[in-house]
Amino acid sequence: MAFTTLNSQVRAPQPPPPQPPAIPSAVNNPTVVAPAGPHPSEIDTAFASNHELRKRVHAAIDENPTQTSLFRDISTFILNQTSQPPAEPAAKKRKLEDSNGAKNGGPTSGGSLVSASTKAWRTYPGVSFSIPQRKKFTLELVDKKEGGIRAVGATGNVEFSIAWKDVDQVFCLPVPEKAKKQHNFVIIPTHGDGVNPLPDHLNGVAPEPIIWTFEEATGKNIKEGEDPGPGPIAEAIHHCLIQAGTGKEVVFPDPDEFSSATPESHRKGDKAYHVKAHRGSKEGYLFFTSVGILYGFKKPLAYFDFASINSIAYAAVLRNTFNLVINTQTQEIEFGMLDQADFSGINEYVQKHGLQDASLAAARRAKKLNVNKTKNKENGANGAAAAGADDGEEESELQKAERELQDAEDAEDEEEEDYDPGSEGESEGSGSDSEDDDGDGGHDGGDDDGDEADGDEMEE
């Protein structure tokens, strides 16, 4: 009877639980605290980091044993979630793949190009890349039709690549303001010009350009019989473009297209092919090439092919600088603080390629300036005529700047006409007499005449 009473106080054993899935081990995962006993349940493991919550779960099971299976399912779900890495947002995952998943050229770049087992036709170790990653990689060219350009890391993995069929343009441009000659190879992918709208299938994620730097060999590094410049690598890229049937070629700067009026600052004997410009607060360089206008070399790059340019206008024209405004089908991009010395060369380039000058557009009419109104009032009839011209004619920013410069010169001429050299000369003469008297102890009137003569000679 005592035995029966004792056993009646013992909780009835539960049916054996189903075999739990593989769960993290306390040995391999120090954050998992294994409960006492040789066979910890999934409930104890799932709530091992929260002792109070685990006690409440067991209390709820003791109070209502029918909920045991529910708590076991919840525990199993928690363990499965913690054993897997959290899913990244789709946009972030896509961006990482674009920059580091050997898919820089878009979804069409892949296959044998990203496989390290595919042998490269040309290999260039220790190449300094700046976009999409600022790091040294081994540059490889795969000359098959389905090949392309790829960057290989130290581990032998392809870090990023672009297929030849996805290449829009390839530029080889001198790096400005460098003591040693350097050239940037710029690969513009299709839909990666930073100007035109993206097609829907890219989901708003544009393929990034690829830029690496080539430094010309100098001194002892020059090998006899070899071109120290970028010519050999450019020829190798051109060969691959032909093999892939793209019809593209490497674009070099051409003095017949444009060259800056100012030579290279660090190499006075070399022509410069760039114009320094600002896009917002960022400084970069504009290159006027045979296929379009490129702005680089920092993000965001912008490449305007001739087909994408609706018009070009000049704005904020001042004595030393002016702004260049490029209008496309979807946006207007303004580049500021261009050197006035390069205006004529840029204007010739615009006219040569039939890029419409929109400086005379109604939206860009010059605003009347108060200083001009004041001067018109002073000039009487001439001022009224000038005001009528302002009201009846459209004036470009360039014409406005020329007019302002002319007004400034006229003002200077008027000041010179009003200048009375006699009065100033007497005043200066008196001052010099005083100084001479103080310094030399006094002179007679003849010396005063001599001083005036000297003053006349200096004025002449």
Protein backbone atom coordinates (compact mmCIF):
# COMPACT_ATOMS: atom_id res chain seq x y z
CA MET A 1 0.00 0.00 0.00
CA ALA A 2 2.82 2.34 0.79
CA PHE A 3 4.46 1.44 -2.46
CA THR A 4 1.28 2.29 -4.36
CA THR A 5 0.92 5.62 -2.59
CA LEU A 6 4.53 6.56 -3.34
CA ASN A 7 4.18 5.79 -7.04
CA SER A 8 0.91 7.67 -7.27
CA GLN A 9 2.83 10.85 -6.52
CA VAL A 10 5.26 10.33 -9.40
CA ARG A 11 4.35 12.01 -12.67
CA ALA A 12 3.37 9.59 -15.38
CA PRO A 13 6.15 9.14 -17.92
CA GLN A 14 5.65 10.82 -21.29
CA PRO A 15 5.77 8.89 -24.54
CA PRO A 16 9.21 8.85 -26.13
CA PRO A 17 9.70 11.98 -28.23
CA PRO A 18 10.41 11.74 -31.95
CA GLN A 19 14.04 11.74 -33.01
CA PRO A 20 15.11 15.41 -32.97
CA PRO A 21 17.03 16.87 -35.92
CA ALA A 22 20.73 17.59 -35.73
CA ILE A 23 21.28 20.41 -33.29
CA PRO A 24 24.31 22.48 -32.34
CA SER A 25 26.61 20.82 -29.91
CA ALA A 26 27.74 22.50 -26.72
CA VAL A 27 31.26 21.40 -27.57
CA ASN A 28 31.35 23.04 -30.98
CA ASN A 29 29.20 26.00 -29.96
CA PRO A 30 30.22 27.47 -26.60
CA THR A 31 27.04 29.60 -26.47
CA VAL A 32 24.94 26.44 -26.17
CA VAL A 33 24.69 25.29 -22.57
CA ALA A 34 24.00 21.56 -22.35
CA PRO A 35 21.61 20.66 -19.52
CA ALA A 36 22.31 17.87 -17.11
CA GLY A 37 21.70 14.38 -18.36
CA PRO A 38 23.08 12.33 -21.18
CA HIS A 39 20.27 13.10 -23.64
CA PRO A 40 19.27 16.80 -23.59
CA SER A 41 15.99 17.53 -25.28
CA GLU A 42 15.59 20.09 -28.05
CA ILE A 43 13.58 22.27 -25.64
CA ASP A 44 16.49 22.55 -23.21
CA THR A 45 18.89 23.25 -26.07
CA ALA A 46 16.67 25.85 -27.74
CA PHE A 47 16.20 27.82 -24.53
CA ALA A 48 19.62 27.16 -23.02
CA SER A 49 20.57 30.85 -23.12
CA ASN A 50 17.43 31.89 -21.17
CA HIS A 51 17.07 29.88 -17.95
CA GLU A 52 13.89 31.61 -16.78
CA LEU A 53 12.10 31.11 -20.08
CA ARG A 54 13.12 27.45 -20.14
CA LYS A 55 11.60 26.96 -16.68
CA ARG A 56 8.36 28.58 -17.81
CA VAL A 57 8.19 26.28 -20.84
CA HIS A 58 8.63 23.19 -18.68
CA ALA A 59 6.04 24.50 -16.22
CA ALA A 60 3.57 24.98 -19.05
CA ILE A 61 4.20 21.42 -20.24
CA ASP A 62 3.71 20.06 -16.73
CA GLU A 63 0.43 21.93 -16.45
CA ASN A 64 -0.80 20.90 -19.89
CA PRO A 65 1.05 17.86 -21.24
CA THR A 66 -0.93 17.95 -24.49
CA GLN A 67 1.10 21.04 -25.52
CA THR A 68 4.37 19.12 -25.43
CA SER A 69 4.47 18.57 -29.19
CA LEU A 70 3.82 22.29 -29.82
CA PHE A 71 6.75 23.37 -27.65
CA ARG A 72 8.97 20.76 -29.29
CA ASP A 73 8.07 22.11 -32.74
CA ILE A 74 8.79 25.67 -31.59
CA SER A 75 12.16 24.56 -30.17
CA THR A 76 13.05 22.73 -33.38
CA PHE A 77 12.19 25.84 -35.43
CA ILE A 78 14.40 28.02 -33.21
CA LEU A 79 17.32 25.62 -33.53
CA ASN A 80 17.00 25.49 -37.31
CA GLN A 81 16.97 29.30 -37.52
CA THR A 82 20.01 29.76 -35.31
CA SER A 83 22.02 27.12 -37.15
CA GLN A 84 21.67 29.00 -40.50
CA PRO A 85 23.16 32.44 -41.35
CA PRO A 86 20.57 35.21 -41.70
CA ALA A 87 19.40 35.90 -45.21
CA GLU A 88 20.71 39.15 -46.71
CA PRO A 89 18.39 41.63 -48.38
CA ALA A 90 18.04 40.99 -52.09
CA ALA A 91 19.45 44.36 -53.12
CA LYS A 92 22.53 43.99 -50.89
CA LYS A 93 23.13 40.42 -52.01
CA ARG A 94 22.92 41.46 -55.65
CA LYS A 95 25.34 44.33 -55.10
CA LEU A 96 27.89 42.07 -53.43
CA GLU A 97 27.64 39.59 -56.27
CA ASP A 98 28.13 42.36 -58.80
CA SER A 99 31.28 43.62 -57.10
CA ASN A 100 32.83 40.44 -55.80
CA GLY A 101 31.13 37.50 -57.42
CA ALA A 102 32.83 37.52 -60.81
CA LYS A 103 29.61 38.90 -62.28
CA ASN A 104 30.53 42.52 -62.83
CA GLY A 105 29.45 42.48 -66.43
CA GLY A 106 25.90 41.44 -65.63
CA PRO A 107 24.07 38.14 -65.76
CA THR A 108 25.61 37.22 -69.09
CA SER A 109 29.13 37.09 -67.62
CA GLY A 110 29.75 33.61 -66.39
CA GLY A 111 30.47 30.11 -67.58
CA SER A 112 34.07 29.41 -68.41
CA LEU A 113 35.13 33.02 -67.81
CA VAL A 114 34.64 32.79 -64.03
CA SER A 115 36.18 29.33 -63.81
CA ALA A 116 39.77 29.32 -62.66
CA SER A 117 40.32 26.19 -64.75
CA THR A 118 39.87 28.23 -67.95
CA LYS A 119 43.34 29.20 -69.10
CA ALA A 120 44.04 32.83 -69.90
CA TRP A 121 45.58 33.95 -73.17
CA ARG A 122 47.51 36.82 -71.53
CA THR A 123 48.38 37.32 -67.85
CA TYR A 124 49.59 40.52 -66.18
CA PRO A 125 50.41 40.11 -62.47
CA GLY A 126 50.41 42.90 -59.88
CA VAL A 127 48.03 45.24 -61.68
CA SER A 128 46.59 48.10 -59.57
CA PHE A 129 42.82 48.33 -59.89
CA SER A 130 40.78 51.28 -58.58
CA ILE A 131 37.25 50.23 -59.63
CA PRO A 132 35.32 48.14 -58.65
CA GLN A 133 37.92 47.29 -55.99
CA ARG A 134 41.00 49.27 -54.96
CA LYS A 135 43.50 46.44 -54.83
CA LYS A 136 46.20 44.68 -56.80
CA PHE A 137 45.10 41.64 -58.81
CA THR A 138 46.37 39.54 -61.64
CA LEU A 139 44.80 40.79 -64.86
CA GLU A 140 43.88 38.00 -67.28
CA LEU A 141 42.59 38.16 -70.85
CA VAL A 142 40.62 35.20 -72.20
CA ASP A 143 40.58 35.49 -76.00
CA LYS A 144 37.71 33.11 -76.71
CA LYS A 145 34.41 34.35 -78.09
CA GLU A 146 32.81 33.69 -74.71
CA GLY A 147 35.90 35.05 -72.93
CA GLY A 148 36.59 38.46 -71.43
CA ILE A 149 38.64 40.35 -68.85
CA ARG A 150 38.94 39.08 -65.29
CA ALA A 151 40.79 39.94 -62.09
CA VAL A 152 42.24 37.01 -60.14
CA GLY A 153 43.10 37.25 -56.47
CA ALA A 154 46.00 35.75 -54.54
CA THR A 155 43.97 32.60 -53.81
CA GLY A 156 43.38 31.97 -57.51
CA ASN A 157 39.69 32.90 -57.38
CA VAL A 158 38.16 35.20 -59.97
CA GLU A 159 37.19 38.36 -58.05
CA PHE A 160 35.31 40.11 -60.87
CA SER A 161 35.10 39.94 -64.63
CA ILE A 162 33.31 41.16 -67.74
CA ALA A 163 32.64 39.29 -70.97
CA TRP A 164 33.79 40.83 -74.24
CA LYS A 165 30.22 40.86 -75.53
CA ASP A 166 29.21 43.05 -72.55
CA VAL A 167 31.88 45.69 -73.24
CA ASP A 168 30.60 49.02 -74.54
CA GLN A 169 33.90 50.91 -74.78
CA VAL A 170 37.55 50.52 -73.80
CA PHE A 171 39.62 53.67 -73.18
CA CYS A 172 43.32 54.13 -72.56
CA LEU A 173 43.77 57.63 -71.17
CA PRO A 174 46.75 59.40 -69.58
CA VAL A 175 46.48 60.01 -65.85
CA PRO A 176 46.80 63.79 -65.32
CA GLU A 177 49.19 65.51 -62.96
CA LYS A 178 51.63 62.64 -62.50
CA ALA A 179 55.40 63.00 -62.64
CA LYS A 180 55.72 59.52 -64.18
CA LYS A 181 53.64 58.62 -67.20
CA GLN A 182 50.63 56.58 -66.18
CA HIS A 183 47.61 55.45 -68.15
CA ASN A 184 44.21 54.32 -66.98
CA PHE A 185 42.44 51.58 -68.88
CA VAL A 186 38.71 52.19 -68.50
CA ILE A 187 36.21 49.48 -69.38
CA ILE A 188 32.66 50.82 -69.78
CA PRO A 189 30.14 47.95 -69.67
CA THR A 190 26.90 47.98 -71.58
CA HIS A 191 24.29 49.86 -69.50
CA GLY A 192 27.11 50.99 -67.20
CA ASP A 193 27.75 54.48 -68.64
CA GLY A 194 26.16 56.22 -65.65
CA VAL A 195 24.06 58.39 -67.94
CA ASN A 196 21.32 56.47 -69.74
CA PRO A 197 18.40 54.81 -67.91
CA LEU A 198 18.76 51.12 -67.04
CA PRO A 199 16.60 48.39 -68.60
CA ASP A 200 14.07 46.70 -66.35
CA HIS A 201 15.88 43.36 -66.18
CA LEU A 202 18.78 44.92 -64.23
CA ASN A 203 16.44 45.86 -61.35
CA GLY A 204 18.12 49.22 -60.90
CA VAL A 205 21.62 47.78 -60.38
CA ALA A 206 24.06 48.95 -63.06
CA PRO A 207 27.22 46.99 -63.87
CA GLU A 208 30.28 48.86 -62.63
CA PRO A 209 33.11 50.03 -64.89
CA ILE A 210 36.54 48.48 -64.48
CA ILE A 211 39.62 50.70 -64.15
CA TRP A 212 43.24 49.71 -63.74
CA THR A 213 46.45 51.73 -63.99
CA PHE A 214 49.41 51.06 -66.24
CA GLU A 215 52.68 52.78 -65.36
CA GLU A 216 55.23 53.17 -68.12
CA ALA A 217 58.61 51.59 -67.53
CA THR A 218 61.51 53.96 -66.96
CA GLY A 219 65.26 53.69 -66.52
CA LYS A 220 66.48 50.18 -65.77
CA ASN A 221 62.96 48.77 -66.04
CA ILE A 222 62.87 49.38 -69.78
CA LYS A 223 63.51 46.17 -71.69
CA GLU A 224 65.37 46.50 -74.93
CA GLY A 225 63.15 46.06 -77.97
CA GLU A 226 59.91 46.36 -75.98
CA ASP A 227 57.48 49.26 -75.93
CA PRO A 228 57.50 50.69 -72.38
CA GLY A 229 54.08 52.27 -72.91
CA PRO A 230 50.55 50.82 -72.88
CA GLY A 231 50.67 49.85 -76.54
CA PRO A 232 51.27 46.08 -76.11
CA ILE A 233 48.44 45.53 -73.63
CA ALA A 234 46.12 47.68 -75.76
CA GLU A 235 46.96 45.54 -78.79
CA ALA A 236 46.23 42.38 -76.80
CA ILE A 237 42.81 43.74 -75.78
CA HIS A 238 42.11 44.76 -79.36
CA HIS A 239 42.97 41.23 -80.51
CA CYS A 240 40.47 39.77 -78.04
CA LEU A 241 37.76 42.20 -79.12
CA ILE A 242 38.27 41.12 -82.72
CA GLN A 243 38.16 37.43 -81.74
CA ALA A 244 34.86 38.03 -79.95
CA GLY A 245 33.45 39.84 -82.98
CA THR A 246 32.49 42.97 -81.03
CA GLY A 247 33.72 45.51 -83.58
CA LYS A 248 35.18 47.57 -80.72
CA GLU A 249 38.71 48.88 -80.30
CA VAL A 250 40.75 50.61 -77.62
CA VAL A 251 40.14 54.38 -77.76
CA PHE A 252 43.16 56.64 -77.25
CA PRO A 253 43.11 60.45 -76.96
CA ASP A 254 43.55 62.16 -80.33
CA PRO A 255 44.94 65.70 -80.74
CA ASP A 256 42.78 66.06 -83.86
CA GLU A 257 39.75 65.65 -81.60
CA PHE A 258 40.87 67.70 -78.62
CA SER A 259 43.96 68.66 -76.67
CA SER A 260 44.13 71.08 -73.80
CA ALA A 261 45.57 74.56 -74.24
CA THR A 262 47.55 73.94 -71.06
CA PRO A 263 50.30 71.28 -71.19
CA GLU A 264 50.78 68.66 -68.50
CA SER A 265 51.63 70.43 -65.26
CA HIS A 266 54.33 67.92 -64.26
CA ARG A 267 55.64 67.29 -67.78
CA LYS A 268 55.69 70.57 -69.68
CA GLY A 269 56.74 68.92 -72.93
CA ASP A 270 53.69 66.62 -73.08
CA LYS A 271 50.28 67.56 -74.37
CA ALA A 272 47.36 67.30 -71.99
CA TYR A 273 44.10 65.76 -73.18
CA HIS A 274 41.98 66.48 -70.15
CA VAL A 275 40.05 69.42 -68.74
CA LYS A 276 39.69 69.64 -64.98
CA ALA A 277 36.04 69.95 -63.98
CA HIS A 278 33.76 69.65 -60.95
CA ARG A 279 30.58 67.64 -60.80
CA GLY A 280 28.99 69.03 -57.70
CA SER A 281 31.68 68.99 -55.03
CA LYS A 282 33.71 66.21 -56.68
CA GLU A 283 36.66 67.00 -58.88
CA GLY A 284 37.47 64.98 -61.98
CA TYR A 285 38.58 65.21 -65.59
CA LEU A 286 36.71 65.51 -68.88
CA PHE A 287 38.13 63.75 -71.94
CA PHE A 288 36.79 64.61 -75.40
CA THR A 289 37.39 61.48 -77.50
CA SER A 290 36.43 60.23 -80.95
CA VAL A 291 33.48 58.22 -79.56
CA GLY A 292 32.15 60.61 -76.90
CA ILE A 293 32.88 62.49 -73.71
CA LEU A 294 34.18 60.67 -70.64
CA TYR A 295 34.25 62.05 -67.09
CA GLY A 296 36.51 60.22 -64.65
CA PHE A 297 38.31 58.76 -62.89
CA LYS A 298 36.42 58.60 -59.61
CA LYS A 299 32.92 57.39 -58.96
CA PRO A 300 30.49 58.15 -60.38
CA LEU A 301 31.97 57.87 -63.87
CA ALA A 302 29.95 59.25 -66.75
CA TYR A 303 30.33 58.37 -70.42
CA PHE A 304 28.33 60.35 -72.98
CA ASP A 305 28.33 58.75 -76.41
CA PHE A 306 27.24 61.05 -79.21
CA ALA A 307 23.86 59.35 -79.55
CA SER A 308 22.97 60.12 -75.92
CA ILE A 309 23.76 63.86 -76.15
CA ASN A 310 20.82 66.08 -77.06
CA SER A 311 22.68 69.35 -76.70
CA ILE A 312 25.58 71.09 -74.99
CA ALA A 313 25.40 74.52 -73.40
CA TYR A 314 27.78 76.93 -71.69
CA ALA A 315 26.80 78.54 -68.40
CA ALA A 316 28.29 80.76 -65.69
CA VAL A 317 30.87 82.11 -68.14
CA LEU A 318 33.38 84.24 -66.28
CA ARG A 319 36.76 85.78 -67.04
CA ASN A 320 38.71 82.63 -66.09
CA THR A 321 36.17 79.77 -65.95
CA PHE A 322 32.89 78.53 -67.40
CA ASN A 323 30.49 75.64 -66.89
CA LEU A 324 29.65 72.93 -69.42
CA VAL A 325 26.09 71.58 -69.41
CA ILE A 326 25.37 68.29 -71.20
CA ASN A 327 21.71 67.55 -71.87
CA THR A 328 20.66 63.93 -72.45
CA GLN A 329 17.24 62.46 -73.09
CA THR A 330 16.57 62.02 -69.37
CA GLN A 331 18.74 64.48 -67.45
CA GLU A 332 20.96 67.55 -67.48
CA ILE A 333 24.46 67.22 -66.03
CA GLU A 334 26.55 70.30 -65.35
CA PHE A 335 30.33 70.34 -65.00
CA GLY A 336 31.75 73.44 -63.37
CA MET A 337 34.94 75.48 -63.17
CA LEU A 338 36.40 74.60 -66.58
CA ASP A 339 39.40 76.70 -67.60
CA GLN A 340 38.46 79.50 -70.00
CA ALA A 341 41.62 78.72 -72.00
CA ASP A 342 40.01 75.44 -73.17
CA PHE A 343 36.76 77.03 -74.34
CA SER A 344 37.70 77.38 -78.01
CA GLY A 345 38.95 73.79 -78.24
CA ILE A 346 35.78 72.42 -76.62
CA ASN A 347 33.60 74.60 -78.84
CA GLU A 348 35.39 73.30 -81.95
CA TYR A 349 34.80 69.74 -80.73
CA VAL A 350 31.10 70.46 -80.20
CA GLN A 351 30.74 71.92 -83.69
CA LYS A 352 32.77 69.19 -85.34
CA HIS A 353 30.50 66.44 -84.03
CA GLY A 354 27.27 68.37 -84.57
CA LEU A 355 26.40 68.61 -80.89
CA GLN A 356 23.77 71.35 -80.73
CA ASP A 357 24.74 74.44 -78.77
CA ALA A 358 21.79 75.09 -76.46
CA SER A 359 23.21 78.28 -74.95
CA LEU A 360 20.58 80.31 -76.86
CA ALA A 361 17.66 78.28 -75.53
CA ALA A 362 14.90 80.31 -73.88
CA ALA A 363 15.51 78.60 -70.55
CA ARG A 364 19.08 79.89 -70.58
CA ARG A 365 18.51 83.55 -71.43
CA ALA A 366 20.89 85.85 -69.63
CA LYS A 367 19.36 87.63 -66.66
CA LYS A 368 19.51 91.41 -66.52
CA LEU A 369 22.01 92.69 -64.03
CA ASN A 370 21.44 95.76 -61.86
CA VAL A 371 24.86 97.08 -62.75
CA ASN A 372 23.91 97.11 -66.43
CA LYS A 373 20.64 98.94 -65.67
CA THR A 374 22.51 101.60 -63.73
CA LYS A 375 24.99 102.09 -66.49
CA ASN A 376 22.23 102.30 -69.08
CA LYS A 377 20.60 105.13 -67.11
CA GLU A 378 23.89 106.99 -66.99
CA ASN A 379 24.42 106.59 -70.73
CA GLY A 380 20.99 108.01 -71.60
CA ALA A 381 19.87 107.08 -75.09
CA ASN A 382 22.55 104.44 -75.47
CA GLY A 383 21.30 102.84 -72.27
CA ALA A 384 17.74 102.76 -73.55
CA ALA A 385 18.86 101.12 -76.77
CA ALA A 386 20.82 98.51 -74.84
CA ALA A 387 17.83 97.81 -72.62
CA GLY A 388 15.67 97.33 -75.69
CA ALA A 389 18.21 94.87 -77.05
CA ASP A 390 18.13 92.93 -73.78
CA ASP A 391 14.35 92.70 -73.93
CA GLY A 392 14.03 91.81 -77.59
CA GLU A 393 16.94 89.44 -78.19
CA GLU A 394 18.10 86.22 -76.65
CA GLU A 395 21.58 86.40 -75.20
CA SER A 396 23.80 83.40 -74.59
CA GLU A 397 25.90 83.01 -71.48
CA LEU A 398 29.03 83.48 -73.58
CA GLN A 399 27.70 86.70 -75.12
CA LYS A 400 26.70 87.92 -71.68
CA ALA A 401 30.21 87.26 -70.36
CA GLU A 402 31.80 89.06 -73.31
CA ARG A 403 29.48 92.03 -72.77
CA GLU A 404 30.32 92.16 -69.06
CA LEU A 405 34.03 92.07 -69.84
CA GLN A 406 33.58 94.85 -72.37
CA ASP A 407 31.63 96.90 -69.82
CA ALA A 408 34.43 96.43 -67.31
CA GLU A 409 37.01 97.55 -69.86
CA ASP A 410 34.89 100.59 -70.75
CA ALA A 411 34.67 101.49 -67.07
CA GLU A 412 38.44 101.28 -66.78
CA ASP A 413 38.84 103.49 -69.86
CA GLU A 414 36.48 106.08 -68.34
CA GLU A 415 38.49 106.09 -65.14
CA GLU A 416 41.67 106.68 -67.13
CA GLU A 417 40.03 109.57 -69.01
CA ASP A 418 38.93 111.16 -65.73
CA TYR A 419 42.42 110.83 -64.31
CA ASP A 420 44.21 114.21 -63.92
CA PRO A 421 47.96 113.56 -63.93
CA GLY A 422 48.72 117.20 -63.15
CA SER A 423 47.06 117.27 -59.78
CA GLU A 424 48.39 113.88 -58.74
CA GLY A 425 51.80 114.80 -60.05
CA GLU A 426 51.86 117.97 -57.97
CA SER A 427 50.72 116.06 -54.95
CA GLU A 428 53.29 113.35 -55.47
CA GLY A 429 55.90 115.97 -56.20
CA SER A 430 55.16 117.76 -52.97
CA GLY A 431 55.42 114.51 -51.13
CA SER A 432 58.73 113.64 -52.73
CA ASP A 433 60.03 117.16 -52.03
CA SER A 434 59.22 116.69 -48.38
CA GLU A 435 60.96 113.36 -48.34
CA ASP A 436 63.97 114.75 -50.13
CA ASP A 437 64.11 117.69 -47.78
CA ASP A 438 64.02 115.35 -44.83
CA GLY A 439 66.63 113.05 -46.28
CA ASP A 440 69.09 115.41 -47.91
CA GLY A 441 68.77 118.53 -45.77
CA GLY A 442 67.05 120.67 -48.47
CA HIS A 443 67.44 121.57 -52.16
CA ASP A 444 66.69 124.56 -54.32
CA GLY A 445 63.77 124.97 -56.78
CA GLY A 446 65.76 123.58 -59.70
CA ASP A 447 65.68 120.15 -58.16
CA ASP A 448 61.88 120.32 -58.02
CA ASP A 449 61.79 120.80 -61.78
CA GLY A 450 64.06 117.84 -62.19
CA ASP A 451 61.79 115.68 -60.09
CA GLU A 452 58.81 116.66 -62.21
CA ALA A 453 60.69 115.75 -65.35
CA ASP A 454 61.56 112.37 -63.93
CA GLY A 455 57.90 111.85 -63.07
CA ASP A 456 56.86 112.69 -66.65
CA GLU A 457 59.35 110.18 -68.03
CA MET A 458 58.03 107.45 -65.73
CA GLU A 459 54.46 108.15 -66.82
CA GLU A 460 55.48 107.89 -70.45
